[in-house]
C-alpha atoms as a PDB file:
ATOM      1  CA  MET A   1     -43.999  13.969 -14.531  1.00  0.00           C
ATOM      2  CA  PRO A   2     -42.991  13.336 -10.910  1.00  0.00           C
ATOM      3  CA  LEU A   3     -39.646  11.819 -10.436  1.00  0.00           C
ATOM      4  CA  GLN A   4     -41.052   8.768  -8.375  1.00  0.00           C
ATOM      5  CA  ASP A   5     -43.410   8.151 -11.792  1.00  0.00           C
ATOM      6  CA  ASP A   6     -40.099   7.327 -13.892  1.00  0.00           C
ATOM      7  CA  PHE A   7     -38.219   5.565 -11.154  1.00  0.00           C
ATOM      8  CA  ASP A   8     -41.144   3.255 -11.337  1.00  0.00           C
ATOM      9  CA  ALA A   9     -40.888   3.727 -15.156  1.00  0.00           C
ATOM     10  CA  ALA A  10     -37.346   2.072 -14.884  1.00  0.00           C
ATOM     11  CA  VAL A  11     -37.394  -1.054 -12.417  1.00  0.00           C
ATOM     12  CA  ALA A  12     -39.174  -2.109 -15.217  1.00  0.00           C
ATOM     13  CA  ASN A  13     -37.136  -1.305 -17.554  1.00  0.00           C
ATOM     14  CA  SER A  14     -34.984  -2.529 -16.395  1.00  0.00           C
ATOM     15  CA  LYS A  15     -36.689  -6.463 -16.438  1.00  0.00           C
ATOM     16  CA  LYS A  16     -37.227  -5.638 -20.471  1.00  0.00           C
ATOM     17  CA  LEU A  17     -33.255  -4.814 -21.270  1.00  0.00           C
ATOM     18  CA  ALA A  18     -31.947  -6.609 -24.709  1.00  0.00           C
ATOM     19  CA  GLU A  19     -29.489  -7.674 -23.164  1.00  0.00           C
ATOM     20  CA  ARG A  20     -27.525  -9.290 -19.021  1.00  0.00           C
ATOM     21  CA  PRO A  21     -25.966  -5.900 -17.794  1.00  0.00           C
ATOM     22  CA  ASP A  22     -22.223  -7.133 -16.669  1.00  0.00           C
ATOM     23  CA  ASN A  23     -21.734  -8.077 -13.607  1.00  0.00           C
ATOM     24  CA  THR A  24     -20.868  -4.294 -11.995  1.00  0.00           C
ATOM     25  CA  THR A  25     -23.154  -2.524 -13.664  1.00  0.00           C
ATOM     26  CA  LEU A  26     -26.322  -5.104 -11.992  1.00  0.00           C
ATOM     27  CA  LEU A  27     -24.552  -4.225  -8.697  1.00  0.00           C
ATOM     28  CA  LYS A  28     -24.845  -0.469  -9.314  1.00  0.00           C
ATOM     29  CA  ILE A  29     -27.907  -0.643 -10.184  1.00  0.00           C
ATOM     30  CA  TYR A  30     -29.392  -3.008  -7.194  1.00  0.00           C
ATOM     31  CA  GLY A  31     -27.404  -0.549  -4.877  1.00  0.00           C
ATOM     32  CA  LEU A  32     -28.816   2.713  -6.315  1.00  0.00           C
ATOM     33  CA  TYR A  33     -32.174   0.362  -6.532  1.00  0.00           C
ATOM     34  CA  LYS A  34     -31.591  -0.813  -2.534  1.00  0.00           C
ATOM     35  CA  GLN A  35     -31.079   2.857  -1.728  1.00  0.00           C
ATOM     36  CA  ALA A  36     -33.345   5.032  -3.752  1.00  0.00           C
ATOM     37  CA  THR A  37     -36.130   2.622  -1.914  1.00  0.00           C
ATOM     38  CA  VAL A  38     -34.736   2.201   1.990  1.00  0.00           C
ATOM     39  CA  GLY A  39     -32.134   4.776   2.185  1.00  0.00           C
ATOM     40  CA  ASP A  40     -28.862   4.392   4.057  1.00  0.00           C
ATOM     41  CA  ASN A  41     -27.268  -0.091   4.771  1.00  0.00           C
ATOM     42  CA  THR A  42     -28.048   0.171   7.858  1.00  0.00           C
ATOM     43  CA  GLU A  43     -27.401  -3.003   7.953  1.00  0.00           C
ATOM     44  CA  LYS A  44     -24.554  -5.763   9.187  1.00  0.00           C
ATOM     45  CA  LYS A  45     -21.819  -6.749   6.934  1.00  0.00           C
ATOM     46  CA  PRO A  46     -22.366 -10.747   5.648  1.00  0.00           C
ATOM     47  CA  GLY A  47     -19.679 -13.077   6.184  1.00  0.00           C
ATOM     48  CA  PHE A  48     -17.021 -13.860   3.954  1.00  0.00           C
ATOM     49  CA  GLY A  49     -18.993 -16.772   2.926  1.00  0.00           C
ATOM     50  CA  ASP A  50     -21.705 -15.268   1.191  1.00  0.00           C
ATOM     51  CA  MET A  51     -20.011 -13.574  -1.895  1.00  0.00           C
ATOM     52  CA  VAL A  52     -22.829 -12.213  -3.829  1.00  0.00           C
ATOM     53  CA  GLY A  53     -24.234 -11.097  -0.350  1.00  0.00           C
ATOM     54  CA  ARG A  54     -21.156  -8.873   0.635  1.00  0.00           C
ATOM     55  CA  ALA A  55     -21.145  -7.479  -3.046  1.00  0.00           C
ATOM     56  CA  LYS A  56     -24.219  -6.490  -2.594  1.00  0.00           C
ATOM     57  CA  TRP A  57     -24.219  -5.186   0.519  1.00  0.00           C
ATOM     58  CA  ASP A  58     -21.193  -3.633  -0.419  1.00  0.00           C
ATOM     59  CA  ALA A  59     -22.745  -2.218  -3.562  1.00  0.00           C
ATOM     60  CA  TRP A  60     -25.350   0.368  -1.715  1.00  0.00           C
ATOM     61  CA  ASN A  61     -23.598   1.217   0.841  1.00  0.00           C
ATOM     62  CA  ALA A  62     -21.770   3.121  -1.713  1.00  0.00           C
ATOM     63  CA  CYS A  63     -24.027   4.941  -2.287  1.00  0.00           C
ATOM     64  CA  LYS A  64     -24.413   6.399   1.813  1.00  0.00           C
ATOM     65  CA  GLY A  65     -25.532   9.807   2.113  1.00  0.00           C
ATOM     66  CA  THR A  66     -27.248   9.666  -1.135  1.00  0.00           C
ATOM     67  CA  SER A  67     -30.638  11.546  -0.934  1.00  0.00           C
ATOM     68  CA  GLN A  68     -33.760   8.856  -2.236  1.00  0.00           C
ATOM     69  CA  ASP A  69     -34.353  11.118  -4.622  1.00  0.00           C
ATOM     70  CA  ASP A  70     -30.439  10.950  -6.376  1.00  0.00           C
ATOM     71  CA  ALA A  71     -30.647   8.440  -6.163  1.00  0.00           C
ATOM     72  CA  LYS A  72     -33.564   7.469  -8.140  1.00  0.00           C
ATOM     73  CA  GLN A  73     -33.011  10.419 -10.662  1.00  0.00           C
ATOM     74  CA  GLN A  74     -28.940   7.821 -11.399  1.00  0.00           C
ATOM     75  CA  TYR A  75     -31.637   4.465 -11.372  1.00  0.00           C
ATOM     76  CA  VAL A  76     -33.361   6.664 -13.673  1.00  0.00           C
ATOM     77  CA  ASP A  77     -30.381   7.890 -15.364  1.00  0.00           C
ATOM     78  CA  LEU A  78     -28.355   4.515 -14.718  1.00  0.00           C
ATOM     79  CA  ILE A  79     -31.626   2.573 -16.773  1.00  0.00           C
ATOM     80  CA  GLN A  80     -32.365   4.637 -19.635  1.00  0.00           C
ATOM     81  CA  SER A  81     -28.186   4.587 -20.628  1.00  0.00           C
ATOM     82  CA  LEU A  82     -29.109   1.006 -20.909  1.00  0.00           C
ATOM     83  CA  SER A  83     -32.080   0.887 -22.610  1.00  0.00           C
END
């Protein structure tokens, strides 16, 4: 099955997990998703007042340099490990 199909299935499965992952895992899921769908983070880092925005920005930025295909595979593997 092509990677894009696996990725699309994992995105759908991420919304149906039996239990909500912890915040660290949720941020990793978010970062990999953004890297897989957008590529490297080029957005300005949110200010200190936006704690959630900063955490998401940091999670995405941590994936910088990862190819979109590698990020998709890591996302698929992570979601499968949680299912």
